[in-house]
C-alpha atoms as a PDB file:
ATOM      1  CA  UNK A   1     120.721 123.652  79.114  1.00  0.00           C
ATOM      2  CA  UNK A   2     118.091 125.915  78.027  1.00  0.00           C
ATOM      3  CA  UNK A   3     118.657 129.676  80.075  1.00  0.00           C
ATOM      4  CA  UNK A   4     115.179 131.422  80.331  1.00  0.00           C
ATOM      5  CA  UNK A   5     116.081 135.510  79.594  1.00  0.00           C
ATOM      6  CA  UNK A   6     113.276 136.633  79.553  1.00  0.00           C
ATOM      7  CA  UNK A   7     112.758 136.788  83.368  1.00  0.00           C
ATOM      8  CA  UNK A   8     114.370 139.001  86.389  1.00  0.00           C
ATOM      9  CA  UNK A   9     116.467 136.090  88.297  1.00  0.00           C
ATOM     10  CA  UNK A  10     118.116 138.908  90.692  1.00  0.00           C
ATOM     11  CA  UNK A  11     117.968 142.314  92.246  1.00  0.00           C
ATOM     12  CA  UNK A  12     120.247 144.335  94.144  1.00  0.00           C
ATOM     13  CA  UNK A  13     119.416 146.126  97.366  1.00  0.00           C
ATOM     14  CA  UNK A  14     120.566 149.655  97.175  1.00  0.00           C
ATOM     15  CA  UNK A  15     120.005 152.233 100.214  1.00  0.00           C
ATOM     16  CA  UNK A  16     119.143 155.765  99.567  1.00  0.00           C
ATOM     17  CA  UNK A  17     118.624 158.979 101.093  1.00  0.00           C
ATOM     18  CA  UNK A  18     116.429 161.658 100.094  1.00  0.00           C
ATOM     19  CA  UNK A  19     117.452 164.376 102.968  1.00  0.00           C
ATOM     20  CA  UNK A  20     114.626 166.642 103.834  1.00  0.00           C
ATOM     21  CA  UNK A  21     116.794 169.531 103.804  1.00  0.00           C
ATOM     22  CA  UNK A  22     119.672 168.731 101.449  1.00  0.00           C
ATOM     23  CA  UNK A  23     117.397 166.517  98.563  1.00  0.00           C
ATOM     24  CA  UNK A  24     119.196 163.026  97.189  1.00  0.00           C
ATOM     25  CA  UNK A  25     121.860 162.420  98.664  1.00  0.00           C
ATOM     26  CA  UNK A  26     124.193 160.043  96.561  1.00  0.00           C
ATOM     27  CA  UNK A  27     125.721 156.849  98.369  1.00  0.00           C
ATOM     28  CA  UNK A  28     129.717 158.251  97.878  1.00  0.00           C
ATOM     29  CA  UNK A  29     128.318 161.019 100.573  1.00  0.00           C
ATOM     30  CA  UNK A  30     126.335 159.291 103.028  1.00  0.00           C
ATOM     31  CA  UNK A  31     128.725 156.457 103.500  1.00  0.00           C
ATOM     32  CA  UNK A  32     131.263 158.787 104.421  1.00  0.00           C
ATOM     33  CA  UNK A  33     128.981 160.778 106.809  1.00  0.00           C
ATOM     34  CA  UNK A  34     128.239 157.159 108.400  1.00  0.00           C
ATOM     35  CA  UNK A  35     131.742 156.240 108.843  1.00  0.00           C
ATOM     36  CA  UNK A  36     132.320 159.869 110.501  1.00  0.00           C
ATOM     37  CA  UNK A  37     129.437 158.868 112.883  1.00  0.00           C
ATOM     38  CA  UNK A  38     130.580 155.695 113.460  1.00  0.00           C
ATOM     39  CA  UNK A  39     126.895 154.027 112.601  1.00  0.00           C
ATOM     40  CA  UNK A  40     128.768 152.336 109.135  1.00  0.00           C
ATOM     41  CA  UNK A  41     128.278 148.470 111.270  1.00  0.00           C
ATOM     42  CA  UNK A  42     124.129 149.526 112.345  1.00  0.00           C
ATOM     43  CA  UNK A  43     123.584 150.799 108.812  1.00  0.00           C
ATOM     44  CA  UNK A  44     125.017 147.518 107.176  1.00  0.00           C
ATOM     45  CA  UNK A  45     123.144 145.752 109.682  1.00  0.00           C
ATOM     46  CA  UNK A  46     119.692 147.502 108.441  1.00  0.00           C
ATOM     47  CA  UNK A  47     120.145 146.745 104.985  1.00  0.00           C
ATOM     48  CA  UNK A  48     121.131 143.248 105.547  1.00  0.00           C
ATOM     49  CA  UNK A  49     117.760 142.829 107.381  1.00  0.00           C
ATOM     50  CA  UNK A  50     115.533 144.652 105.528  1.00  0.00           C
ATOM     51  CA  UNK A  51     116.834 143.110 101.809  1.00  0.00           C
ATOM     52  CA  UNK A  52     116.205 139.146 103.634  1.00  0.00           C
ATOM     53  CA  UNK A  53     112.757 140.362 104.908  1.00  0.00           C
ATOM     54  CA  UNK A  54     111.627 142.236 101.353  1.00  0.00           C
ATOM     55  CA  UNK A  55     113.281 138.909  99.755  1.00  0.00           C
ATOM     56  CA  UNK A  56     110.389 136.733 101.287  1.00  0.00           C
ATOM     57  CA  UNK A  57     108.137 138.520  99.016  1.00  0.00           C
ATOM     58  CA  UNK A  58     109.480 137.479  95.575  1.00  0.00           C
ATOM     59  CA  UNK A  59     110.315 134.033  96.101  1.00  0.00           C
ATOM     60  CA  UNK A  60     112.137 133.469  92.814  1.00  0.00           C
ATOM     61  CA  UNK A  61     114.834 136.016  93.256  1.00  0.00           C
ATOM     62  CA  UNK A  62     118.340 136.343  94.599  1.00  0.00           C
ATOM     63  CA  UNK A  63     118.777 139.026  96.682  1.00  0.00           C
ATOM     64  CA  UNK A  64     121.910 140.722  96.695  1.00  0.00           C
ATOM     65  CA  UNK A  65     123.403 142.606  99.515  1.00  0.00           C
ATOM     66  CA  UNK A  66     127.029 144.871  99.217  1.00  0.00           C
ATOM     67  CA  UNK A  67     128.913 144.364 102.325  1.00  0.00           C
ATOM     68  CA  UNK A  68     132.247 146.660 103.417  1.00  0.00           C
ATOM     69  CA  UNK A  69     135.559 145.531 104.389  1.00  0.00           C
ATOM     70  CA  UNK A  70     134.664 147.029 107.422  1.00  0.00           C
ATOM     71  CA  UNK A  71     131.763 144.223 107.697  1.00  0.00           C
ATOM     72  CA  UNK A  72     134.151 141.609 106.671  1.00  0.00           C
ATOM     73  CA  UNK A  73     136.958 142.211 109.596  1.00  0.00           C
ATOM     74  CA  UNK A  74     134.217 141.891 112.312  1.00  0.00           C
ATOM     75  CA  UNK A  75     134.685 138.651 113.619  1.00  0.00           C
ATOM     76  CA  UNK A  76     131.052 138.219 114.133  1.00  0.00           C
ATOM     77  CA  UNK A  77     129.660 139.340 110.842  1.00  0.00           C
ATOM     78  CA  UNK A  78     129.426 135.316 109.254  1.00  0.00           C
ATOM     79  CA  UNK A  79     126.913 134.714 112.426  1.00  0.00           C
ATOM     80  CA  UNK A  80     125.078 137.953 112.175  1.00  0.00           C
ATOM     81  CA  UNK A  81     124.037 136.969 108.472  1.00  0.00           C
ATOM     82  CA  UNK A  82     123.657 133.573 109.554  1.00  0.00           C
ATOM     83  CA  UNK A  83     120.850 134.124 112.228  1.00  0.00           C
ATOM     84  CA  UNK A  84     119.290 137.237 110.090  1.00  0.00           C
ATOM     85  CA  UNK A  85     118.893 134.635 106.869  1.00  0.00           C
ATOM     86  CA  UNK A  86     117.675 132.246 109.822  1.00  0.00           C
ATOM     87  CA  UNK A  87     115.261 135.028 111.423  1.00  0.00           C
ATOM     88  CA  UNK A  88     113.726 135.978 107.874  1.00  0.00           C
ATOM     89  CA  UNK A  89     113.282 132.157 107.250  1.00  0.00           C
ATOM     90  CA  UNK A  90     114.914 132.978 104.110  1.00  0.00           C
ATOM     91  CA  UNK A  91     116.775 130.169 102.230  1.00  0.00           C
ATOM     92  CA  UNK A  92     121.021 131.070 102.145  1.00  0.00           C
ATOM     93  CA  UNK A  93     120.985 130.338  98.643  1.00  0.00           C
ATOM     94  CA  UNK A  94     118.865 133.397  97.746  1.00  0.00           C
ATOM     95  CA  UNK A  95     121.225 135.895  99.527  1.00  0.00           C
ATOM     96  CA  UNK A  96     124.274 137.234  97.407  1.00  0.00           C
ATOM     97  CA  UNK A  97     127.112 139.335  99.425  1.00  0.00           C
ATOM     98  CA  UNK A  98     128.807 141.577  97.057  1.00  0.00           C
ATOM     99  CA  UNK A  99     132.145 142.663  98.145  1.00  0.00           C
ATOM    100  CA  UNK A 100     134.869 144.780  96.863  1.00  0.00           C
ATOM    101  CA  UNK A 101     138.099 143.730  95.530  1.00  0.00           C
ATOM    102  CA  UNK A 102     139.911 145.852  98.474  1.00  0.00           C
ATOM    103  CA  UNK A 103     138.134 144.180 101.001  1.00  0.00           C
ATOM    104  CA  UNK A 104     139.843 140.811  99.717  1.00  0.00           C
ATOM    105  CA  UNK A 105     143.087 142.235 100.364  1.00  0.00           C
ATOM    106  CA  UNK A 106     142.118 143.656 103.946  1.00  0.00           C
ATOM    107  CA  UNK A 107     142.853 141.142 106.785  1.00  0.00           C
ATOM    108  CA  UNK A 108     142.523 138.699 103.973  1.00  0.00           C
ATOM    109  CA  UNK A 109     142.803 135.206 106.721  1.00  0.00           C
ATOM    110  CA  UNK A 110     140.072 136.658 108.438  1.00  0.00           C
ATOM    111  CA  UNK A 111     138.148 137.644 105.318  1.00  0.00           C
ATOM    112  CA  UNK A 112     138.720 134.512 103.687  1.00  0.00           C
ATOM    113  CA  UNK A 113     137.600 132.758 107.288  1.00  0.00           C
ATOM    114  CA  UNK A 114     134.325 134.684 106.926  1.00  0.00           C
ATOM    115  CA  UNK A 115     133.604 134.072 103.005  1.00  0.00           C
ATOM    116  CA  UNK A 116     134.223 130.185 103.313  1.00  0.00           C
ATOM    117  CA  UNK A 117     132.262 130.061 106.588  1.00  0.00           C
ATOM    118  CA  UNK A 118     129.039 131.590 104.812  1.00  0.00           C
ATOM    119  CA  UNK A 119     129.412 130.315 101.433  1.00  0.00           C
ATOM    120  CA  UNK A 120     129.387 126.411 103.577  1.00  0.00           C
ATOM    121  CA  UNK A 121     126.178 127.931 104.785  1.00  0.00           C
ATOM    122  CA  UNK A 122     125.303 128.647 101.320  1.00  0.00           C
ATOM    123  CA  UNK A 123     125.323 132.191 100.612  1.00  0.00           C
ATOM    124  CA  UNK A 124     126.557 133.022  97.279  1.00  0.00           C
ATOM    125  CA  UNK A 125     129.786 135.574  97.380  1.00  0.00           C
ATOM    126  CA  UNK A 126     130.391 138.226  94.171  1.00  0.00           C
ATOM    127  CA  UNK A 127     133.151 140.283  93.587  1.00  0.00           C
ATOM    128  CA  UNK A 128     131.563 143.947  93.216  1.00  0.00           C
ATOM    129  CA  UNK A 129     133.398 146.352  90.727  1.00  0.00           C
ATOM    130  CA  UNK A 130     136.404 144.092  90.135  1.00  0.00           C
ATOM    131  CA  UNK A 131     139.216 145.481  88.213  1.00  0.00           C
ATOM    132  CA  UNK A 132     141.130 149.046  87.698  1.00  0.00           C
ATOM    133  CA  UNK A 133     137.963 151.657  87.427  1.00  0.00           C
ATOM    134  CA  UNK A 134     137.874 153.680  84.325  1.00  0.00           C
ATOM    135  CA  UNK A 135     136.666 157.369  84.147  1.00  0.00           C
ATOM    136  CA  UNK A 136     136.155 159.503  81.207  1.00  0.00           C
END
């Protein structure tokens, strides 16, 4: 099998905030702010919907979206993803959900059920930042 390495196959949806008063605010900071004011769920839903809609403009690409442990612990998360894909008319195989290792550890039984349901639906699952972090 020959692999075509000359084309882009996937993209990752990344949320950025350029504050009028603070300038660029990195994800490490604004995610903490979102958690403090309890809008993490809404923020995650916005990113998922936007990524699925935008992916339609690039039919050859898979779009990858980061998912928090909090989202995976929501019993309605799988239904939300399935509904979002359906609304956007995006083939499920073109969506990849990136989860961090800690999400597998927290509420393992529920997380396993959610991920299994989404995999059966055709959604791709990837581990993000797997293993220990190495800092210089």
